[in-house]
Amino acid sequence: MKKALITGVTGQDGSYLAELLLEKGYEVHGVIRRASTFNTGRIDHLYRDPHQPGATFFTHYGDLADPVVLTRLVHDLAPDEIYHLGAQSHVRVSFQIPEYTLDVSGLGTLRMLEAIRDSGVQTRFYQASSSEVFGSTPPPQSEDSAFEPRSPYAIAKATAHWTTVNYREAYGLFAVNGILFNHESPRRGETFVIRKITRAAARIRAGLEEKLFLGNLDARRDWGYAPEYVEAMWRMLQLDEPDDFVIATGESHSVREAVEIAFARAGLDPADHVEIDTRYYRPTEVDDLRGDASKARRELGWEPKVGFRELVELIVDADLEAVGLQPGGV
């Protein structure tokens, strides 16, 4: 039985990845941060009492700011694969807490790599890079495109990316970067723009809210379906040699398009409910991200299946169900 360690296991990607690995017969260990409130909603359905025979999913308290705990976990668990997904991952928030973002999202990766090196454990390491590293580089963006980060989050992710490359080249670690473009699902956090839109559409339809406030409606992103993207993560660690890959659909769509699709699915006119609030504009905007995932198609055999409209509508349907309404259109 292979053993995997996941940082950020309580997040959208971590929960889907844990499910995937358990289905593939792995023993899965997830790192969670101690908090005064429960933050394990996305993985509660995976939990079994570890005293029961056959338990294969376990959680451990840890923090990416604590290198001692990280080294101890890697040493004691000796995982075959490490999926490093933990981060402060909200771009707009990173402008408000830039030092924390760089410490956790950037230096957290350095601490994980040092934990591997110090422990001497032979493992394969996946680092969750981000399309935000491309910033103002014109689309389409591929593995060969220049990094031009436009936010503290993007700077932190660029730091993590190049640290991973350096440890691969300097110490011979099997370490890869997955440069994932935006990917969404019903498990996406409610402050990320697609989920913010779909949740508001459902709640307005249910009479629980009246307005949705957004920033730049013309920003364009390459949006895919999160469960498909965690499959790509796993495939990267099954290669004979480590390498970096862009994971994307190859299409970009505007926030405005997402609003129109979501509100139509909920039977609403966005003109009656959507307003602009300049507080949601970024100090430095990223206008257009569209990935070229041809390398992933060629070398990983990976390609996306869920299109943009289907993606938005399936999340709207889940949010309609959550407020007691019938999904599937109105």
C-alpha atoms as a PDB file:
ATOM      1  CA  MET A   1       0.000   0.000   0.000  1.00  0.00           C
ATOM      2  CA  LYS A   2       1.441   3.349  -1.045  1.00  0.00           C
ATOM      3  CA  LYS A   3       1.424   6.139   1.512  1.00  0.00           C
ATOM      4  CA  ALA A   4       0.711   9.796   0.696  1.00  0.00           C
ATOM      5  CA  LEU A   5       0.988  12.982   2.752  1.00  0.00           C
ATOM      6  CA  ILE A   6      -1.176  15.973   1.787  1.00  0.00           C
ATOM      7  CA  THR A   7      -0.751  19.507   3.109  1.00  0.00           C
ATOM      8  CA  GLY A   8      -3.888  21.592   2.695  1.00  0.00           C
ATOM      9  CA  VAL A   9      -6.044  18.459   2.910  1.00  0.00           C
ATOM     10  CA  THR A  10      -9.041  20.425   4.223  1.00  0.00           C
ATOM     11  CA  GLY A  11      -9.200  22.583   1.085  1.00  0.00           C
ATOM     12  CA  GLN A  12     -11.051  21.957  -2.153  1.00  0.00           C
ATOM     13  CA  ASP A  13      -8.140  20.253  -3.914  1.00  0.00           C
ATOM     14  CA  GLY A  14      -6.952  18.411  -0.826  1.00  0.00           C
ATOM     15  CA  SER A  15     -10.328  16.790  -0.250  1.00  0.00           C
ATOM     16  CA  TYR A  16     -10.724  15.669  -3.870  1.00  0.00           C
ATOM     17  CA  LEU A  17      -7.135  14.414  -3.964  1.00  0.00           C
ATOM     18  CA  ALA A  18      -7.623  12.444  -0.735  1.00  0.00           C
ATOM     19  CA  GLU A  19     -10.698  10.779  -2.262  1.00  0.00           C
ATOM     20  CA  LEU A  20      -8.794   9.931  -5.430  1.00  0.00           C
ATOM     21  CA  LEU A  21      -5.839   8.420  -3.594  1.00  0.00           C
ATOM     22  CA  LEU A  22      -8.052   6.392  -1.266  1.00  0.00           C
ATOM     23  CA  GLU A  23      -9.874   5.015  -4.304  1.00  0.00           C
ATOM     24  CA  LYS A  24      -6.478   4.011  -5.713  1.00  0.00           C
ATOM     25  CA  GLY A  25      -5.643   2.090  -2.550  1.00  0.00           C
ATOM     26  CA  TYR A  26      -3.336   4.565  -0.826  1.00  0.00           C
ATOM     27  CA  GLU A  27      -2.961   5.164   2.885  1.00  0.00           C
ATOM     28  CA  VAL A  28      -3.544   8.910   3.109  1.00  0.00           C
ATOM     29  CA  HIS A  29      -2.283  11.307   5.772  1.00  0.00           C
ATOM     30  CA  GLY A  30      -3.447  14.927   5.818  1.00  0.00           C
ATOM     31  CA  VAL A  31      -1.986  17.921   7.617  1.00  0.00           C
ATOM     32  CA  ILE A  32      -4.535  20.210   9.264  1.00  0.00           C
ATOM     33  CA  ARG A  33      -4.094  23.425  11.241  1.00  0.00           C
ATOM     34  CA  ARG A  34      -5.406  23.629  14.769  1.00  0.00           C
ATOM     35  CA  ALA A  35      -8.285  26.093  15.041  1.00  0.00           C
ATOM     36  CA  SER A  36     -10.888  26.929  17.661  1.00  0.00           C
ATOM     37  CA  THR A  37     -13.625  26.067  15.167  1.00  0.00           C
ATOM     38  CA  PHE A  38     -14.002  22.962  13.032  1.00  0.00           C
ATOM     39  CA  ASN A  39     -12.542  23.413   9.545  1.00  0.00           C
ATOM     40  CA  THR A  40     -12.747  19.834   8.283  1.00  0.00           C
ATOM     41  CA  GLY A  41     -16.121  19.903   6.546  1.00  0.00           C
ATOM     42  CA  ARG A  42     -14.728  18.848   3.162  1.00  0.00           C
ATOM     43  CA  ILE A  43     -13.067  15.709   4.547  1.00  0.00           C
ATOM     44  CA  ASP A  44     -15.418  14.626   7.351  1.00  0.00           C
ATOM     45  CA  HIS A  45     -16.969  11.974   5.101  1.00  0.00           C
ATOM     46  CA  LEU A  46     -13.531  10.355   4.700  1.00  0.00           C
ATOM     47  CA  TYR A  47     -12.779  10.042   8.391  1.00  0.00           C
ATOM     48  CA  ARG A  48     -12.888   6.669  10.147  1.00  0.00           C
ATOM     49  CA  ASP A  49     -11.878   5.956  13.713  1.00  0.00           C
ATOM     50  CA  PRO A  50      -8.149   5.162  13.411  1.00  0.00           C
ATOM     51  CA  HIS A  51      -8.623   2.380  15.979  1.00  0.00           C
ATOM     52  CA  GLN A  52     -10.833   0.486  13.560  1.00  0.00           C
ATOM     53  CA  PRO A  53      -9.124  -2.194  11.455  1.00  0.00           C
ATOM     54  CA  GLY A  54      -8.598  -1.125   7.880  1.00  0.00           C
ATOM     55  CA  ALA A  55      -8.540   2.648   8.486  1.00  0.00           C
ATOM     56  CA  THR A  56      -6.577   4.314   5.676  1.00  0.00           C
ATOM     57  CA  PHE A  57      -7.188   8.043   6.220  1.00  0.00           C
ATOM     58  CA  PHE A  58      -5.457   9.904   9.038  1.00  0.00           C
ATOM     59  CA  THR A  59      -5.006  13.556   9.994  1.00  0.00           C
ATOM     60  CA  HIS A  60      -2.144  15.255  11.826  1.00  0.00           C
ATOM     61  CA  TYR A  61      -1.866  18.738  13.281  1.00  0.00           C
ATOM     62  CA  GLY A  62       0.801  20.885  11.677  1.00  0.00           C
ATOM     63  CA  ASP A  63       1.572  24.282  10.238  1.00  0.00           C
ATOM     64  CA  LEU A  64       3.664  25.359   7.273  1.00  0.00           C
ATOM     65  CA  ALA A  65       5.310  27.953   9.520  1.00  0.00           C
ATOM     66  CA  ASP A  66       6.656  25.189  11.806  1.00  0.00           C
ATOM     67  CA  PRO A  67       9.609  23.362  10.210  1.00  0.00           C
ATOM     68  CA  VAL A  68      10.132  21.092  13.232  1.00  0.00           C
ATOM     69  CA  VAL A  69       6.685  19.533  12.910  1.00  0.00           C
ATOM     70  CA  LEU A  70       7.014  19.204   9.130  1.00  0.00           C
ATOM     71  CA  THR A  71      10.345  17.403   9.414  1.00  0.00           C
ATOM     72  CA  ARG A  72       8.970  15.105  12.105  1.00  0.00           C
ATOM     73  CA  LEU A  73       5.939  14.215   9.984  1.00  0.00           C
ATOM     74  CA  VAL A  74       8.014  13.415   6.909  1.00  0.00           C
ATOM     75  CA  HIS A  75      10.514  11.387   8.950  1.00  0.00           C
ATOM     76  CA  ASP A  76       7.933   9.422  10.942  1.00  0.00           C
ATOM     77  CA  LEU A  77       5.473   8.757   8.116  1.00  0.00           C
ATOM     78  CA  ALA A  78       8.057   8.212   5.345  1.00  0.00           C
ATOM     79  CA  PRO A  79       5.436   8.808   2.636  1.00  0.00           C
ATOM     80  CA  ASP A  80       5.944   7.568  -0.908  1.00  0.00           C
ATOM     81  CA  GLU A  81       4.367  10.772  -2.223  1.00  0.00           C
ATOM     82  CA  ILE A  82       3.900  14.272  -0.795  1.00  0.00           C
ATOM     83  CA  TYR A  83       1.304  16.615  -2.264  1.00  0.00           C
ATOM     84  CA  HIS A  84       1.998  20.143  -1.067  1.00  0.00           C
ATOM     85  CA  LEU A  85      -1.265  22.045  -1.516  1.00  0.00           C
ATOM     86  CA  GLY A  86      -1.288  24.141   1.657  1.00  0.00           C
ATOM     87  CA  ALA A  87      -1.139  27.922   1.188  1.00  0.00           C
ATOM     88  CA  GLN A  88      -2.774  31.267   1.809  1.00  0.00           C
ATOM     89  CA  SER A  89      -4.479  30.987  -1.552  1.00  0.00           C
ATOM     90  CA  HIS A  90      -6.681  34.060  -1.943  1.00  0.00           C
ATOM     91  CA  VAL A  91      -5.146  36.584  -4.341  1.00  0.00           C
ATOM     92  CA  ARG A  92      -7.079  39.672  -3.201  1.00  0.00           C
ATOM     93  CA  VAL A  93      -6.446  38.885   0.459  1.00  0.00           C
ATOM     94  CA  SER A  94      -2.718  38.584  -0.231  1.00  0.00           C
ATOM     95  CA  PHE A  95      -2.574  42.357  -0.763  1.00  0.00           C
ATOM     96  CA  GLN A  96      -3.857  42.804   2.808  1.00  0.00           C
ATOM     97  CA  ILE A  97      -1.557  40.198   4.426  1.00  0.00           C
ATOM     98  CA  PRO A  98       1.474  40.098   2.109  1.00  0.00           C
ATOM     99  CA  GLU A  99       4.091  39.017   4.658  1.00  0.00           C
ATOM    100  CA  TYR A 100       1.973  36.129   5.928  1.00  0.00           C
ATOM    101  CA  THR A 101       1.224  35.063   2.352  1.00  0.00           C
ATOM    102  CA  LEU A 102       4.900  34.977   1.402  1.00  0.00           C
ATOM    103  CA  ASP A 103       5.805  33.157   4.606  1.00  0.00           C
ATOM    104  CA  VAL A 104       3.201  30.403   4.264  1.00  0.00           C
ATOM    105  CA  SER A 105       2.792  30.098   0.494  1.00  0.00           C
ATOM    106  CA  GLY A 106       6.415  30.735  -0.431  1.00  0.00           C
ATOM    107  CA  LEU A 107       8.653  29.779   2.479  1.00  0.00           C
ATOM    108  CA  GLY A 108       6.268  26.984   3.453  1.00  0.00           C
ATOM    109  CA  THR A 109       7.421  25.163   0.333  1.00  0.00           C
ATOM    110  CA  LEU A 110      11.057  25.684   1.275  1.00  0.00           C
ATOM    111  CA  ARG A 111      10.335  24.205   4.711  1.00  0.00           C
ATOM    112  CA  MET A 112       8.680  21.155   3.137  1.00  0.00           C
ATOM    113  CA  LEU A 113      11.622  20.571   0.814  1.00  0.00           C
ATOM    114  CA  GLU A 114      14.084  20.977   3.676  1.00  0.00           C
ATOM    115  CA  ALA A 115      12.026  18.494   5.702  1.00  0.00           C
ATOM    116  CA  ILE A 116      12.449  15.970   2.897  1.00  0.00           C
ATOM    117  CA  ARG A 117      16.164  16.659   2.610  1.00  0.00           C
ATOM    118  CA  ASP A 118      16.819  16.598   6.362  1.00  0.00           C
ATOM    119  CA  SER A 119      14.787  13.453   6.962  1.00  0.00           C
ATOM    120  CA  GLY A 120      16.505  11.498   4.188  1.00  0.00           C
ATOM    121  CA  VAL A 121      13.175   9.983   3.181  1.00  0.00           C
ATOM    122  CA  GLN A 122      12.962   8.918  -0.459  1.00  0.00           C
ATOM    123  CA  THR A 123       9.721  10.441  -1.645  1.00  0.00           C
ATOM    124  CA  ARG A 124       8.103  12.197  -4.595  1.00  0.00           C
ATOM    125  CA  PHE A 125       7.056  15.801  -4.069  1.00  0.00           C
ATOM    126  CA  TYR A 126       4.281  17.737  -5.807  1.00  0.00           C
ATOM    127  CA  GLN A 127       4.205  21.522  -5.403  1.00  0.00           C
ATOM    128  CA  ALA A 128       0.989  23.390  -6.219  1.00  0.00           C
ATOM    129  CA  SER A 129       2.105  26.265  -8.395  1.00  0.00           C
ATOM    130  CA  SER A 130      -0.424  28.675  -9.909  1.00  0.00           C
ATOM    131  CA  SER A 131      -1.300  30.389 -13.164  1.00  0.00           C
ATOM    132  CA  GLU A 132      -1.094  33.674 -11.243  1.00  0.00           C
ATOM    133  CA  VAL A 133       2.716  33.504 -11.624  1.00  0.00           C
ATOM    134  CA  PHE A 134       2.258  34.499 -15.285  1.00  0.00           C
ATOM    135  CA  GLY A 135       0.550  37.750 -14.331  1.00  0.00           C
ATOM    136  CA  SER A 136       0.784  40.192 -17.231  1.00  0.00           C
ATOM    137  CA  THR A 137       2.404  37.717 -19.658  1.00  0.00           C
ATOM    138  CA  PRO A 138       0.119  37.562 -22.738  1.00  0.00           C
ATOM    139  CA  PRO A 139      -1.883  34.344 -23.270  1.00  0.00           C
ATOM    140  CA  PRO A 140      -1.642  31.531 -24.019  1.00  0.00           C
ATOM    141  CA  GLN A 141       0.722  30.722 -21.167  1.00  0.00           C
ATOM    142  CA  SER A 142       2.755  27.518 -21.197  1.00  0.00           C
ATOM    143  CA  GLU A 143       5.632  26.007 -19.223  1.00  0.00           C
ATOM    144  CA  ASP A 144       8.004  28.220 -21.235  1.00  0.00           C
ATOM    145  CA  SER A 145       6.170  31.511 -20.625  1.00  0.00           C
ATOM    146  CA  ALA A 146       7.787  34.235 -18.534  1.00  0.00           C
ATOM    147  CA  PHE A 147       6.719  34.786 -14.946  1.00  0.00           C
ATOM    148  CA  GLU A 148       5.406  38.324 -14.376  1.00  0.00           C
ATOM    149  CA  PRO A 149       3.604  38.096 -10.996  1.00  0.00           C
ATOM    150  CA  ARG A 150       1.168  40.872 -10.113  1.00  0.00           C
ATOM    151  CA  SER A 151       0.258  40.136  -6.483  1.00  0.00           C
ATOM    152  CA  PRO A 152       1.902  39.035  -3.242  1.00  0.00           C
ATOM    153  CA  TYR A 153       0.234  35.662  -3.746  1.00  0.00           C
ATOM    154  CA  ALA A 154       1.742  35.305  -7.215  1.00  0.00           C
ATOM    155  CA  ILE A 155       5.163  36.360  -5.911  1.00  0.00           C
ATOM    156  CA  ALA A 156       4.914  33.732  -3.179  1.00  0.00           C
ATOM    157  CA  LYS A 157       3.939  31.058  -5.688  1.00  0.00           C
ATOM    158  CA  ALA A 158       6.777  32.044  -8.017  1.00  0.00           C
ATOM    159  CA  THR A 159       9.127  31.694  -5.032  1.00  0.00           C
ATOM    160  CA  ALA A 160       7.732  28.239  -4.286  1.00  0.00           C
ATOM    161  CA  HIS A 161       7.981  27.227  -7.945  1.00  0.00           C
ATOM    162  CA  TRP A 162      11.639  28.138  -8.396  1.00  0.00           C
ATOM    163  CA  THR A 163      12.563  26.709  -4.998  1.00  0.00           C
ATOM    164  CA  THR A 164      11.118  23.388  -6.141  1.00  0.00           C
ATOM    165  CA  VAL A 165      13.084  23.544  -9.397  1.00  0.00           C
ATOM    166  CA  ASN A 166      16.267  24.364  -7.487  1.00  0.00           C
ATOM    167  CA  TYR A 167      15.913  21.457  -5.041  1.00  0.00           C
ATOM    168  CA  ARG A 168      15.234  19.110  -7.946  1.00  0.00           C
ATOM    169  CA  GLU A 169      18.382  20.213  -9.720  1.00  0.00           C
ATOM    170  CA  ALA A 170      20.620  20.719  -6.672  1.00  0.00           C
ATOM    171  CA  TYR A 171      19.726  17.650  -4.624  1.00  0.00           C
ATOM    172  CA  GLY A 172      18.220  15.243  -7.145  1.00  0.00           C
ATOM    173  CA  LEU A 173      14.800  15.237  -5.495  1.00  0.00           C
ATOM    174  CA  PHE A 174      11.814  13.956  -7.431  1.00  0.00           C
ATOM    175  CA  ALA A 175      10.031  17.310  -7.208  1.00  0.00           C
ATOM    176  CA  VAL A 176       7.494  18.702  -9.680  1.00  0.00           C
ATOM    177  CA  ASN A 177       5.412  21.848 -10.120  1.00  0.00           C
ATOM    178  CA  GLY A 178       1.824  21.679 -11.274  1.00  0.00           C
ATOM    179  CA  ILE A 179       1.015  25.095 -12.743  1.00  0.00           C
ATOM    180  CA  LEU A 180      -2.729  24.809 -12.380  1.00  0.00           C
ATOM    181  CA  PHE A 181      -5.024  27.399 -13.864  1.00  0.00           C
ATOM    182  CA  ASN A 182      -8.251  28.258 -12.029  1.00  0.00           C
ATOM    183  CA  HIS A 183     -10.281  25.204 -11.101  1.00  0.00           C
ATOM    184  CA  GLU A 184     -13.621  25.194  -9.334  1.00  0.00           C
ATOM    185  CA  SER A 185     -16.256  22.941  -7.790  1.00  0.00           C
ATOM    186  CA  PRO A 186     -19.087  23.032  -5.240  1.00  0.00           C
ATOM    187  CA  ARG A 187     -16.345  22.690  -2.589  1.00  0.00           C
ATOM    188  CA  ARG A 188     -14.652  25.928  -3.600  1.00  0.00           C
ATOM    189  CA  GLY A 189     -14.396  28.555  -0.878  1.00  0.00           C
ATOM    190  CA  GLU A 190     -17.241  31.047  -0.886  1.00  0.00           C
ATOM    191  CA  THR A 191     -14.987  34.094  -1.357  1.00  0.00           C
ATOM    192  CA  PHE A 192     -13.525  32.870  -4.664  1.00  0.00           C
ATOM    193  CA  VAL A 193     -15.284  34.572  -7.530  1.00  0.00           C
ATOM    194  CA  ILE A 194     -17.044  31.660  -9.277  1.00  0.00           C
ATOM    195  CA  ARG A 195     -18.407  30.270  -6.009  1.00  0.00           C
ATOM    196  CA  LYS A 196     -19.249  33.774  -4.826  1.00  0.00           C
ATOM    197  CA  ILE A 197     -21.344  34.211  -7.970  1.00  0.00           C
ATOM    198  CA  THR A 198     -23.077  30.812  -7.881  1.00  0.00           C
ATOM    199  CA  ARG A 199     -23.854  30.998  -4.172  1.00  0.00           C
ATOM    200  CA  ALA A 200     -25.285  34.514  -4.508  1.00  0.00           C
ATOM    201  CA  ALA A 201     -27.457  33.452  -7.460  1.00  0.00           C
ATOM    202  CA  ALA A 202     -28.921  30.588  -5.433  1.00  0.00           C
ATOM    203  CA  ARG A 203     -29.461  32.671  -2.309  1.00  0.00           C
ATOM    204  CA  ILE A 204     -31.066  35.532  -4.268  1.00  0.00           C
ATOM    205  CA  ARG A 205     -33.360  33.018  -5.930  1.00  0.00           C
ATOM    206  CA  ALA A 206     -34.288  31.712  -2.467  1.00  0.00           C
ATOM    207  CA  GLY A 207     -34.995  35.234  -1.197  1.00  0.00           C
ATOM    208  CA  LEU A 208     -32.095  35.143   1.265  1.00  0.00           C
ATOM    209  CA  GLU A 209     -30.129  37.965  -0.383  1.00  0.00           C
ATOM    210  CA  GLU A 210     -30.839  40.815  -2.789  1.00  0.00           C
ATOM    211  CA  LYS A 211     -27.508  41.918  -4.257  1.00  0.00           C
ATOM    212  CA  LEU A 212     -24.149  40.557  -5.390  1.00  0.00           C
ATOM    213  CA  PHE A 213     -21.185  42.929  -5.288  1.00  0.00           C
ATOM    214  CA  LEU A 214     -18.245  42.213  -7.590  1.00  0.00           C
ATOM    215  CA  GLY A 215     -15.097  43.894  -8.871  1.00  0.00           C
ATOM    216  CA  ASN A 216     -13.676  43.652 -12.389  1.00  0.00           C
ATOM    217  CA  LEU A 217     -16.232  41.865 -14.576  1.00  0.00           C
ATOM    218  CA  ASP A 218     -13.925  41.923 -17.592  1.00  0.00           C
ATOM    219  CA  ALA A 219     -11.095  39.891 -16.044  1.00  0.00           C
ATOM    220  CA  ARG A 220     -10.664  36.658 -18.012  1.00  0.00           C
ATOM    221  CA  ARG A 221      -9.592  33.306 -16.613  1.00  0.00           C
ATOM    222  CA  ASP A 222      -9.146  29.714 -17.733  1.00  0.00           C
ATOM    223  CA  TRP A 223     -11.570  27.803 -15.473  1.00  0.00           C
ATOM    224  CA  GLY A 224     -11.682  24.015 -15.124  1.00  0.00           C
ATOM    225  CA  TYR A 225     -13.217  21.357 -12.867  1.00  0.00           C
ATOM    226  CA  ALA A 226     -11.217  20.623  -9.714  1.00  0.00           C
ATOM    227  CA  PRO A 227     -11.666  16.803  -9.540  1.00  0.00           C
ATOM    228  CA  GLU A 228     -10.107  16.524 -13.005  1.00  0.00           C
ATOM    229  CA  TYR A 229      -7.150  18.667 -11.942  1.00  0.00           C
ATOM    230  CA  VAL A 230      -6.217  16.529  -8.932  1.00  0.00           C
ATOM    231  CA  GLU A 231      -5.999  13.562 -11.313  1.00  0.00           C
ATOM    232  CA  ALA A 232      -3.284  15.500 -13.148  1.00  0.00           C
ATOM    233  CA  MET A 233      -1.398  16.003  -9.859  1.00  0.00           C
ATOM    234  CA  TRP A 234      -1.312  12.252  -9.280  1.00  0.00           C
ATOM    235  CA  ARG A 235      -0.190  11.544 -12.837  1.00  0.00           C
ATOM    236  CA  MET A 236       2.778  13.901 -12.453  1.00  0.00           C
ATOM    237  CA  LEU A 237       4.140  11.803  -9.592  1.00  0.00           C
ATOM    238  CA  GLN A 238       3.850   8.570 -11.582  1.00  0.00           C
ATOM    239  CA  LEU A 239       6.343   9.699 -14.246  1.00  0.00           C
ATOM    240  CA  ASP A 240       9.784   8.168 -14.634  1.00  0.00           C
ATOM    241  CA  GLU A 241      11.430  11.601 -14.418  1.00  0.00           C
ATOM    242  CA  PRO A 242      10.214  14.760 -12.628  1.00  0.00           C
ATOM    243  CA  ASP A 243       8.998  17.701 -14.700  1.00  0.00           C
ATOM    244  CA  ASP A 244       6.679  20.720 -14.517  1.00  0.00           C
ATOM    245  CA  PHE A 245       3.292  20.948 -16.227  1.00  0.00           C
ATOM    246  CA  VAL A 246       0.616  23.516 -17.046  1.00  0.00           C
ATOM    247  CA  ILE A 247      -2.892  22.168 -16.357  1.00  0.00           C
ATOM    248  CA  ALA A 248      -5.648  24.151 -18.075  1.00  0.00           C
ATOM    249  CA  THR A 249      -8.601  23.953 -20.467  1.00  0.00           C
ATOM    250  CA  GLY A 250      -7.137  26.249 -23.139  1.00  0.00           C
ATOM    251  CA  GLU A 251     -10.181  28.571 -23.008  1.00  0.00           C
ATOM    252  CA  SER A 252     -10.611  31.853 -21.174  1.00  0.00           C
ATOM    253  CA  HIS A 253     -13.894  33.423 -20.124  1.00  0.00           C
ATOM    254  CA  SER A 254     -14.785  36.652 -18.368  1.00  0.00           C
ATOM    255  CA  VAL A 255     -16.276  37.074 -14.926  1.00  0.00           C
ATOM    256  CA  ARG A 256     -19.200  38.701 -16.732  1.00  0.00           C
ATOM    257  CA  GLU A 257     -19.853  35.463 -18.656  1.00  0.00           C
ATOM    258  CA  ALA A 258     -19.847  33.504 -15.409  1.00  0.00           C
ATOM    259  CA  VAL A 259     -22.421  35.888 -13.943  1.00  0.00           C
ATOM    260  CA  GLU A 260     -24.685  35.574 -16.979  1.00  0.00           C
ATOM    261  CA  ILE A 261     -24.581  31.767 -16.990  1.00  0.00           C
ATOM    262  CA  ALA A 262     -25.070  31.432 -13.227  1.00  0.00           C
ATOM    263  CA  PHE A 263     -27.983  33.852 -12.975  1.00  0.00           C
ATOM    264  CA  ALA A 264     -29.688  32.377 -16.033  1.00  0.00           C
ATOM    265  CA  ARG A 265     -29.403  28.937 -14.427  1.00  0.00           C
ATOM    266  CA  ALA A 266     -31.099  30.330 -11.321  1.00  0.00           C
ATOM    267  CA  GLY A 267     -33.788  32.037 -13.399  1.00  0.00           C
ATOM    268  CA  LEU A 268     -32.625  35.561 -12.620  1.00  0.00           C
ATOM    269  CA  ASP A 269     -31.622  38.691 -14.515  1.00  0.00           C
ATOM    270  CA  PRO A 270     -28.171  39.809 -13.284  1.00  0.00           C
ATOM    271  CA  ALA A 271     -28.980  43.406 -14.204  1.00  0.00           C
ATOM    272  CA  ASP A 272     -31.424  43.446 -11.285  1.00  0.00           C
ATOM    273  CA  HIS A 273     -29.000  42.124  -8.704  1.00  0.00           C
ATOM    274  CA  VAL A 274     -25.314  42.632  -9.593  1.00  0.00           C
ATOM    275  CA  GLU A 275     -23.432  45.804  -8.664  1.00  0.00           C
ATOM    276  CA  ILE A 276     -19.788  46.874  -8.870  1.00  0.00           C
ATOM    277  CA  ASP A 277     -17.837  47.632  -5.714  1.00  0.00           C
ATOM    278  CA  THR A 278     -14.398  49.093  -6.392  1.00  0.00           C
ATOM    279  CA  ARG A 279     -13.116  47.614  -3.130  1.00  0.00           C
ATOM    280  CA  TYR A 280     -12.908  44.309  -4.972  1.00  0.00           C
ATOM    281  CA  TYR A 281     -10.545  45.629  -7.619  1.00  0.00           C
ATOM    282  CA  ARG A 282      -6.957  44.489  -7.221  1.00  0.00           C
ATOM    283  CA  PRO A 283      -4.211  47.141  -6.928  1.00  0.00           C
ATOM    284  CA  THR A 284      -2.533  45.393  -9.889  1.00  0.00           C
ATOM    285  CA  GLU A 285      -4.892  43.449 -12.131  1.00  0.00           C
ATOM    286  CA  VAL A 286      -4.269  40.323 -14.191  1.00  0.00           C
ATOM    287  CA  ASP A 287      -6.328  40.750 -17.348  1.00  0.00           C
ATOM    288  CA  ASP A 288      -6.234  37.407 -19.137  1.00  0.00           C
ATOM    289  CA  LEU A 289      -4.990  33.930 -18.218  1.00  0.00           C
ATOM    290  CA  ARG A 290      -5.369  31.091 -20.720  1.00  0.00           C
ATOM    291  CA  GLY A 291      -3.244  27.986 -20.427  1.00  0.00           C
ATOM    292  CA  ASP A 292      -1.595  25.829 -23.049  1.00  0.00           C
ATOM    293  CA  ALA A 293      -1.748  22.303 -21.599  1.00  0.00           C
ATOM    294  CA  SER A 294      -0.498  20.516 -24.723  1.00  0.00           C
ATOM    295  CA  LYS A 295       2.494  19.115 -22.805  1.00  0.00           C
ATOM    296  CA  ALA A 296       0.161  17.564 -20.201  1.00  0.00           C
ATOM    297  CA  ARG A 297      -1.961  16.050 -22.948  1.00  0.00           C
ATOM    298  CA  ARG A 298       1.104  14.615 -24.628  1.00  0.00           C
ATOM    299  CA  GLU A 299       3.114  13.364 -21.635  1.00  0.00           C
ATOM    300  CA  LEU A 300       0.472  12.760 -18.953  1.00  0.00           C
ATOM    301  CA  GLY A 301      -2.392  11.678 -21.171  1.00  0.00           C
ATOM    302  CA  TRP A 302      -4.514  14.242 -19.347  1.00  0.00           C
ATOM    303  CA  GLU A 303      -7.230  16.429 -20.807  1.00  0.00           C
ATOM    304  CA  PRO A 304     -10.215  18.283 -19.348  1.00  0.00           C
ATOM    305  CA  LYS A 305     -13.739  17.039 -19.944  1.00  0.00           C
ATOM    306  CA  VAL A 306     -16.038  19.525 -18.165  1.00  0.00           C
ATOM    307  CA  GLY A 307     -16.571  22.738 -20.133  1.00  0.00           C
ATOM    308  CA  PHE A 308     -17.083  26.214 -18.735  1.00  0.00           C
ATOM    309  CA  ARG A 309     -20.886  26.407 -18.981  1.00  0.00           C
ATOM    310  CA  GLU A 310     -21.303  22.925 -17.526  1.00  0.00           C
ATOM    311  CA  LEU A 311     -18.909  23.830 -14.715  1.00  0.00           C
ATOM    312  CA  VAL A 312     -20.777  26.981 -13.686  1.00  0.00           C
ATOM    313  CA  GLU A 313     -24.165  25.293 -13.941  1.00  0.00           C
ATOM    314  CA  LEU A 314     -23.201  22.276 -11.847  1.00  0.00           C
ATOM    315  CA  ILE A 315     -21.961  24.561  -9.063  1.00  0.00           C
ATOM    316  CA  VAL A 316     -25.147  26.655  -9.257  1.00  0.00           C
ATOM    317  CA  ASP A 317     -27.198  23.459  -8.985  1.00  0.00           C
ATOM    318  CA  ALA A 318     -25.294  22.415  -5.868  1.00  0.00           C
ATOM    319  CA  ASP A 319     -25.855  25.838  -4.317  1.00  0.00           C
ATOM    320  CA  LEU A 320     -29.552  25.731  -5.190  1.00  0.00           C
ATOM    321  CA  GLU A 321     -29.815  22.369  -3.439  1.00  0.00           C
ATOM    322  CA  ALA A 322     -28.028  23.828  -0.425  1.00  0.00           C
ATOM    323  CA  VAL A 323     -30.816  26.394   0.048  1.00  0.00           C
ATOM    324  CA  GLY A 324     -33.588  23.863  -0.526  1.00  0.00           C
ATOM    325  CA  LEU A 325     -34.380  24.633  -4.158  1.00  0.00           C
ATOM    326  CA  GLN A 326     -34.652  22.269  -7.094  1.00  0.00           C
ATOM    327  CA  PRO A 327     -31.430  22.164  -9.166  1.00  0.00           C
ATOM    328  CA  GLY A 328     -31.250  21.743 -12.926  1.00  0.00           C
ATOM    329  CA  GLY A 329     -32.509  25.103 -14.094  1.00  0.00           C
ATOM    330  CA  VAL A 330     -35.647  27.098 -13.397  1.00  0.00           C
END
